[in-house]
Amino acid sequence: EGVNTRVTELDAVQEHDTQDIYGVMVDTQGRHIEIFQRVEALVDDCQYHYETGRLVDQEARCSREGWAHSIGLSSAVHFELQRDI
C-alpha cells in the first residue's frame, strides 16, 4: 500500500508539473507571437519611413531646381532690362 500511495503522489506531481510546463509553453508561444507582430510592424514602419524620406528628398530636389530656374529667369529679366536702358 505504501508503494501505491507513493506512485499516486508521483503521478499527481507529474501531472501538476506537466500542466505547469504546458502553461509556460503557451505563455512563451504567446510572447513569440507578440514579438513577431512587433517585428512585422517595425519592418512596415521602416519601409514607410524610407518612402517618406525618398519623397522628402524628391520634393527638396524639385524645390532647388525651381528656385534655380526662378533665379535664372530673374537674372535674364534683369539683363534684358539693363540692356534696354
N, C-alpha and C. Protein backbone atom coordinates (compact mmCIF):
# COMPACT_ATOMS: atom_id res chain seq x y z
N GLU A 1 0.82 -1.20 0.00
CA GLU A 1 0.00 0.00 0.00
C GLU A 1 0.86 1.26 0.00
N GLY A 2 1.99 1.29 0.64
CA GLY A 2 2.88 2.44 0.66
C GLY A 2 3.40 2.78 -0.73
N VAL A 3 3.68 1.73 -1.52
CA VAL A 3 4.18 1.94 -2.88
C VAL A 3 3.08 2.55 -3.74
N ASN A 4 1.86 2.04 -3.60
CA ASN A 4 0.74 2.59 -4.37
C ASN A 4 0.50 4.06 -4.04
N THR A 5 0.59 4.39 -2.77
CA THR A 5 0.40 5.78 -2.35
C THR A 5 1.48 6.67 -2.97
N ARG A 6 2.71 6.17 -2.91
CA ARG A 6 3.83 6.96 -3.47
C ARG A 6 3.68 7.12 -4.98
N VAL A 7 3.27 6.07 -5.68
CA VAL A 7 3.06 6.15 -7.12
C VAL A 7 1.95 7.14 -7.44
N THR A 8 0.89 7.12 -6.65
CA THR A 8 -0.22 8.06 -6.84
C THR A 8 0.26 9.50 -6.62
N GLU A 9 1.07 9.70 -5.58
CA GLU A 9 1.62 11.03 -5.31
C GLU A 9 2.52 11.50 -6.46
N LEU A 10 3.39 10.60 -6.93
CA LEU A 10 4.28 10.94 -8.04
C LEU A 10 3.48 11.26 -9.31
N ASP A 11 2.41 10.50 -9.51
CA ASP A 11 1.56 10.76 -10.67
C ASP A 11 0.93 12.16 -10.57
N ALA A 12 0.48 12.52 -9.38
CA ALA A 12 -0.11 13.84 -9.18
C ALA A 12 0.93 14.94 -9.39
N VAL A 13 2.14 14.72 -8.88
CA VAL A 13 3.22 15.70 -9.05
C VAL A 13 3.56 15.83 -10.54
N GLN A 14 3.65 14.68 -11.22
CA GLN A 14 3.97 14.70 -12.65
C GLN A 14 2.88 15.43 -13.43
N GLU A 15 1.64 15.18 -13.11
CA GLU A 15 0.53 15.85 -13.79
C GLU A 15 0.59 17.36 -13.55
N HIS A 16 0.86 17.75 -12.32
CA HIS A 16 0.98 19.17 -11.98
C HIS A 16 2.14 19.81 -12.75
N ASP A 17 3.30 19.13 -12.74
CA ASP A 17 4.46 19.65 -13.47
C ASP A 17 4.19 19.75 -14.97
N THR A 18 3.50 18.74 -15.51
CA THR A 18 3.16 18.75 -16.93
C THR A 18 2.26 19.93 -17.26
N GLN A 19 1.28 20.18 -16.42
CA GLN A 19 0.39 21.33 -16.64
C GLN A 19 1.15 22.65 -16.54
N ASP A 20 2.10 22.72 -15.59
CA ASP A 20 2.94 23.92 -15.48
C ASP A 20 3.75 24.13 -16.76
N ILE A 21 4.33 23.05 -17.27
CA ILE A 21 5.14 23.13 -18.49
C ILE A 21 4.27 23.57 -19.66
N TYR A 22 3.08 22.99 -19.79
CA TYR A 22 2.17 23.40 -20.86
C TYR A 22 1.81 24.89 -20.74
N GLY A 23 1.59 25.34 -19.52
CA GLY A 23 1.29 26.76 -19.30
C GLY A 23 2.44 27.65 -19.73
N VAL A 24 3.65 27.25 -19.39
CA VAL A 24 4.83 28.02 -19.80
C VAL A 24 4.96 28.01 -21.32
N MET A 25 4.69 26.87 -21.94
CA MET A 25 4.78 26.78 -23.40
C MET A 25 3.76 27.70 -24.07
N VAL A 26 2.54 27.72 -23.54
CA VAL A 26 1.50 28.58 -24.11
C VAL A 26 1.89 30.05 -23.93
N ASP A 27 2.37 30.41 -22.73
CA ASP A 27 2.80 31.79 -22.50
C ASP A 27 3.94 32.18 -23.43
N THR A 28 4.90 31.28 -23.59
CA THR A 28 6.05 31.54 -24.46
C THR A 28 5.60 31.70 -25.90
N GLN A 29 4.69 30.84 -26.33
CA GLN A 29 4.18 30.95 -27.70
C GLN A 29 3.46 32.29 -27.90
N GLY A 30 2.69 32.69 -26.90
CA GLY A 30 2.01 33.99 -26.97
C GLY A 30 3.00 35.14 -27.07
N ARG A 31 4.09 35.07 -26.29
CA ARG A 31 5.11 36.12 -26.36
C ARG A 31 5.81 36.11 -27.71
N HIS A 32 6.07 34.93 -28.25
CA HIS A 32 6.70 34.85 -29.58
C HIS A 32 5.80 35.48 -30.64
N ILE A 33 4.51 35.23 -30.54
CA ILE A 33 3.56 35.83 -31.50
C ILE A 33 3.58 37.35 -31.37
N GLU A 34 3.57 37.86 -30.13
CA GLU A 34 3.61 39.31 -29.92
C GLU A 34 4.90 39.91 -30.48
N ILE A 35 6.02 39.26 -30.24
CA ILE A 35 7.31 39.75 -30.74
C ILE A 35 7.30 39.74 -32.27
N PHE A 36 6.80 38.67 -32.86
CA PHE A 36 6.73 38.57 -34.32
C PHE A 36 5.88 39.71 -34.88
N GLN A 37 4.74 39.98 -34.24
CA GLN A 37 3.87 41.06 -34.71
C GLN A 37 4.56 42.42 -34.59
N ARG A 38 5.31 42.63 -33.51
CA ARG A 38 6.05 43.88 -33.36
C ARG A 38 7.12 44.03 -34.43
N VAL A 39 7.83 42.93 -34.70
CA VAL A 39 8.86 42.97 -35.74
C VAL A 39 8.23 43.28 -37.10
N GLU A 40 7.11 42.66 -37.39
CA GLU A 40 6.41 42.95 -38.65
C GLU A 40 6.03 44.43 -38.73
N ALA A 41 5.53 44.97 -37.63
CA ALA A 41 5.14 46.39 -37.61
C ALA A 41 6.37 47.28 -37.82
N LEU A 42 7.49 46.92 -37.20
CA LEU A 42 8.72 47.70 -37.38
C LEU A 42 9.22 47.64 -38.81
N VAL A 43 9.13 46.47 -39.43
CA VAL A 43 9.54 46.34 -40.84
C VAL A 43 8.65 47.21 -41.72
N ASP A 44 7.34 47.16 -41.47
CA ASP A 44 6.41 48.02 -42.23
C ASP A 44 6.75 49.49 -42.02
N ASP A 45 6.98 49.88 -40.75
CA ASP A 45 7.33 51.27 -40.45
C ASP A 45 8.61 51.68 -41.17
N CYS A 46 9.58 50.78 -41.18
CA CYS A 46 10.86 51.07 -41.84
C CYS A 46 10.63 51.37 -43.31
N GLN A 47 9.80 50.57 -43.94
CA GLN A 47 9.51 50.79 -45.36
C GLN A 47 8.80 52.13 -45.57
N TYR A 48 7.86 52.46 -44.69
CA TYR A 48 7.15 53.74 -44.81
C TYR A 48 8.10 54.91 -44.57
N HIS A 49 8.99 54.77 -43.57
CA HIS A 49 9.96 55.83 -43.30
C HIS A 49 10.90 56.02 -44.49
N TYR A 50 11.32 54.93 -45.10
CA TYR A 50 12.18 55.02 -46.28
C TYR A 50 11.46 55.77 -47.40
N GLU A 51 10.21 55.39 -47.64
CA GLU A 51 9.44 56.02 -48.71
C GLU A 51 9.21 57.51 -48.40
N THR A 52 8.92 57.84 -47.15
CA THR A 52 8.73 59.24 -46.76
C THR A 52 10.02 60.02 -46.99
N GLY A 53 11.14 59.45 -46.58
CA GLY A 53 12.43 60.11 -46.80
C GLY A 53 12.71 60.33 -48.28
N ARG A 54 12.39 59.34 -49.09
CA ARG A 54 12.59 59.46 -50.53
C ARG A 54 11.73 60.59 -51.10
N LEU A 55 10.48 60.66 -50.65
CA LEU A 55 9.59 61.72 -51.13
C LEU A 55 10.07 63.11 -50.69
N VAL A 56 10.55 63.21 -49.45
CA VAL A 56 11.07 64.49 -48.96
C VAL A 56 12.29 64.90 -49.78
N ASP A 57 13.18 63.95 -50.05
CA ASP A 57 14.36 64.25 -50.88
C ASP A 57 13.94 64.71 -52.28
N GLN A 58 12.96 64.03 -52.85
CA GLN A 58 12.49 64.39 -54.19
C GLN A 58 11.88 65.79 -54.18
N GLU A 59 11.09 66.08 -53.15
CA GLU A 59 10.48 67.40 -53.05
C GLU A 59 11.55 68.48 -52.89
N ALA A 60 12.58 68.21 -52.08
CA ALA A 60 13.66 69.17 -51.90
C ALA A 60 14.41 69.40 -53.21
N ARG A 61 14.65 68.35 -53.95
CA ARG A 61 15.34 68.47 -55.24
C ARG A 61 14.51 69.33 -56.20
N CYS A 62 13.22 69.06 -56.26
CA CYS A 62 12.33 69.84 -57.14
C CYS A 62 12.30 71.31 -56.71
N SER A 63 12.29 71.56 -55.41
CA SER A 63 12.29 72.94 -54.90
C SER A 63 13.58 73.65 -55.29
N ARG A 64 14.72 72.95 -55.13
CA ARG A 64 16.00 73.56 -55.52
C ARG A 64 16.04 73.86 -57.02
N GLU A 65 15.53 72.93 -57.82
CA GLU A 65 15.50 73.15 -59.27
C GLU A 65 14.60 74.32 -59.62
N GLY A 66 13.44 74.41 -58.96
CA GLY A 66 12.53 75.53 -59.20
C GLY A 66 13.15 76.84 -58.79
N TRP A 67 13.83 76.84 -57.64
CA TRP A 67 14.50 78.05 -57.17
C TRP A 67 15.58 78.48 -58.16
N ALA A 68 16.39 77.52 -58.61
CA ALA A 68 17.46 77.83 -59.57
C ALA A 68 16.86 78.37 -60.87
N HIS A 69 15.77 77.79 -61.30
CA HIS A 69 15.11 78.25 -62.53
C HIS A 69 14.60 79.68 -62.35
N SER A 70 13.99 79.96 -61.19
CA SER A 70 13.45 81.31 -60.96
C SER A 70 14.58 82.32 -60.87
N ILE A 71 15.71 81.95 -60.27
CA ILE A 71 16.86 82.85 -60.21
C ILE A 71 17.37 83.11 -61.62
N GLY A 72 17.42 82.06 -62.44
CA GLY A 72 17.86 82.21 -63.83
C GLY A 72 16.95 83.15 -64.59
N LEU A 73 15.65 83.00 -64.42
CA LEU A 73 14.70 83.88 -65.10
C LEU A 73 14.83 85.31 -64.61
N SER A 74 15.00 85.45 -63.30
CA SER A 74 15.16 86.78 -62.73
C SER A 74 16.41 87.46 -63.28
N SER A 75 17.48 86.71 -63.40
CA SER A 75 18.72 87.26 -63.96
C SER A 75 18.53 87.64 -65.42
N ALA A 76 17.82 86.80 -66.17
CA ALA A 76 17.58 87.08 -67.59
C ALA A 76 16.75 88.34 -67.75
N VAL A 77 15.72 88.49 -66.92
CA VAL A 77 14.87 89.68 -66.98
C VAL A 77 15.70 90.91 -66.62
N HIS A 78 16.50 90.78 -65.56
CA HIS A 78 17.35 91.89 -65.14
C HIS A 78 18.30 92.29 -66.27
N PHE A 79 18.91 91.31 -66.91
CA PHE A 79 19.83 91.57 -68.02
C PHE A 79 19.11 92.28 -69.16
N GLU A 80 17.91 91.81 -69.49
CA GLU A 80 17.12 92.44 -70.57
C GLU A 80 16.77 93.88 -70.22
N LEU A 81 16.39 94.11 -68.96
CA LEU A 81 16.05 95.47 -68.54
C LEU A 81 17.27 96.38 -68.59
N GLN A 82 18.41 95.85 -68.18
CA GLN A 82 19.64 96.64 -68.22
C GLN A 82 20.03 96.97 -69.66
N ARG A 83 19.79 96.05 -70.56
CA ARG A 83 20.14 96.24 -71.96
C ARG A 83 19.27 97.31 -72.61
N ASP A 84 18.00 97.34 -72.18
CA ASP A 84 17.06 98.30 -72.77
C ASP A 84 17.30 99.71 -72.27
N ILE A 85 18.00 99.87 -71.20
CA ILE A 85 18.20 101.21 -70.62
C ILE A 85 19.21 101.98 -71.39
